[in-house]
């Protein structure tokens, strides 16, 4: 599972760089400053959580079960949070109204927070003291 978590973190990180560069160069003439800032928020949180997954997959302070829980909370959280923000920020460029699914943004945020909390509580409960 560690390898899967680290690879997923790497993929999310790589995608956040690519998506961010695309927004900065390709979307800049098409979106308002406010929409670009919103888009950048999605990119930033995706990168934060990509790095978080690399840490989780690399540490030995968490049990395999806790790593799995954190992995799925964070992955689903990033998909819902950042994904919906990308859609909302580019809503004017699409025939689909992303505002109709905007309610998933805070759900994704809560899932990411829960991932952090599971990691924190697991460290408190860990038998290791390195």
Protein backbone atom coordinates (compact mmCIF):
# COMPACT_ATOMS: atom_id res chain seq x y z
CA UNK A 1 0.00 0.00 0.00
CA UNK A 2 2.91 2.39 0.72
CA UNK A 3 4.04 2.30 -2.90
CA UNK A 4 0.49 2.97 -4.11
CA UNK A 5 0.12 5.94 -1.75
CA UNK A 6 3.47 7.48 -2.75
CA UNK A 7 2.79 6.97 -6.46
CA UNK A 8 -0.67 8.49 -6.12
CA UNK A 9 0.85 11.47 -4.30
CA UNK A 10 3.39 11.82 -7.09
CA UNK A 11 0.73 11.66 -9.78
CA UNK A 12 -1.43 14.24 -7.98
CA UNK A 13 1.61 16.50 -7.58
CA UNK A 14 2.59 16.15 -11.22
CA UNK A 15 -0.98 16.86 -12.32
CA UNK A 16 -1.19 19.92 -10.08
CA UNK A 17 1.91 21.40 -11.73
CA UNK A 18 0.52 20.67 -15.19
CA UNK A 19 -2.97 21.92 -14.38
CA UNK A 20 -1.56 25.04 -12.74
CA UNK A 21 0.65 25.80 -15.73
CA UNK A 22 -2.28 25.27 -18.07
CA UNK A 23 -4.38 27.70 -16.05
CA UNK A 24 -1.63 30.31 -15.85
CA UNK A 25 -0.96 30.22 -19.58
CA UNK A 26 -3.96 28.74 -21.35
CA UNK A 27 -6.85 29.94 -19.24
CA UNK A 28 -5.53 33.38 -18.29
CA UNK A 29 -7.05 35.13 -21.32
CA UNK A 30 -10.35 33.29 -20.91
CA UNK A 31 -11.11 33.73 -17.21
CA UNK A 32 -11.57 36.62 -14.83
CA UNK A 33 -8.91 37.32 -12.22
CA UNK A 34 -11.31 36.00 -9.56
CA UNK A 35 -11.89 32.75 -11.48
CA UNK A 36 -8.14 32.27 -11.93
CA UNK A 37 -7.60 32.77 -8.20
CA UNK A 38 -10.32 30.22 -7.49
CA UNK A 39 -8.68 27.79 -9.91
CA UNK A 40 -5.31 28.34 -8.21
CA UNK A 41 -6.89 27.44 -4.87
CA UNK A 42 -7.81 24.03 -6.28
CA UNK A 43 -4.26 23.56 -7.61
CA UNK A 44 -2.70 24.61 -4.30
CA UNK A 45 -4.80 22.25 -2.21
CA UNK A 46 -4.17 19.42 -4.65
CA UNK A 47 -0.42 19.95 -4.27
CA UNK A 48 -0.59 20.17 -0.48
CA UNK A 49 -2.38 16.86 -0.38
CA UNK A 50 -0.09 15.26 -2.95
CA UNK A 51 2.83 16.02 -0.63
CA UNK A 52 0.79 14.79 2.33
CA UNK A 53 0.23 11.44 0.59
CA UNK A 54 3.95 11.11 -0.18
CA UNK A 55 4.62 11.64 3.54
CA UNK A 56 1.93 9.18 4.62
CA UNK A 57 3.23 6.51 2.24
CA UNK A 58 6.80 7.06 3.40
CA UNK A 59 6.33 7.11 7.16
CA UNK A 60 6.41 4.14 9.49
CA UNK A 61 4.51 5.99 12.22
CA UNK A 62 1.12 4.87 10.89
CA UNK A 63 -0.31 1.39 10.66
CA UNK A 64 -1.23 -0.01 7.27
CA UNK A 65 -4.92 0.27 8.15
CA UNK A 66 -4.60 3.96 9.11
CA UNK A 67 -2.59 4.70 5.96
CA UNK A 68 -5.35 3.13 3.90
CA UNK A 69 -8.01 5.25 5.61
CA UNK A 70 -5.97 8.45 5.14
CA UNK A 71 -5.27 7.54 1.51
CA UNK A 72 -8.92 7.12 0.57
CA UNK A 73 -10.10 10.16 2.54
CA UNK A 74 -7.49 12.39 0.93
CA UNK A 75 -7.86 11.00 -2.59
CA UNK A 76 -11.64 11.34 -2.59
CA UNK A 77 -11.32 14.73 -0.90
CA UNK A 78 -8.96 16.03 -3.59
CA UNK A 79 -11.17 14.74 -6.37
CA UNK A 80 -14.27 16.36 -4.90
CA UNK A 81 -12.67 19.58 -3.61
CA UNK A 82 -10.13 20.45 -6.29
CA UNK A 83 -12.12 18.85 -9.09
CA UNK A 84 -15.24 20.83 -8.29
CA UNK A 85 -13.22 24.03 -7.91
CA UNK A 86 -11.70 23.49 -11.37
CA UNK A 87 -15.21 23.08 -12.76
CA UNK A 88 -16.63 26.05 -10.89
CA UNK A 89 -13.77 28.33 -11.91
CA UNK A 90 -14.16 27.40 -15.58
CA UNK A 91 -17.96 27.25 -15.50
CA UNK A 92 -18.30 29.95 -18.17
CA UNK A 93 -16.27 27.84 -20.62
CA UNK A 94 -18.48 24.78 -20.40
CA UNK A 95 -21.98 23.80 -21.42
CA UNK A 96 -22.31 21.98 -18.09
CA UNK A 97 -23.35 24.09 -15.11
CA UNK A 98 -20.83 23.14 -12.42
CA UNK A 99 -22.71 25.28 -9.90
CA UNK A 100 -25.24 22.44 -9.75
CA UNK A 101 -22.60 20.18 -8.17
CA UNK A 102 -20.88 22.88 -6.12
CA UNK A 103 -22.16 21.24 -2.92
CA UNK A 104 -19.42 18.60 -3.25
CA UNK A 105 -16.67 21.18 -2.66
CA UNK A 106 -17.15 21.39 1.12
CA UNK A 107 -17.64 17.61 1.29
CA UNK A 108 -14.22 17.20 -0.32
CA UNK A 109 -12.75 19.69 2.12
CA UNK A 110 -14.17 17.80 5.09
CA UNK A 111 -12.74 14.53 3.74
CA UNK A 112 -9.28 16.11 3.46
CA UNK A 113 -9.54 17.45 7.00
CA UNK A 114 -10.58 14.00 8.22
CA UNK A 115 -7.51 12.54 6.51
CA UNK A 116 -5.29 14.91 8.47
CA UNK A 117 -7.14 14.17 11.72
CA UNK A 118 -6.79 10.40 11.25
CA UNK A 119 -3.05 10.87 10.73
CA UNK A 120 -2.69 13.14 13.78
CA UNK A 121 -4.70 10.87 16.07
CA UNK A 122 -2.84 7.81 14.81
CA UNK A 123 0.48 9.45 15.67
CA UNK A 124 -0.76 10.22 19.18
CA UNK A 125 -1.83 6.61 19.59
CA UNK A 126 1.34 5.17 18.03
CA UNK A 127 3.54 2.96 20.19
CA UNK A 128 6.61 4.34 18.42
CA UNK A 129 8.43 7.31 19.86
CA UNK A 130 11.09 8.25 17.33
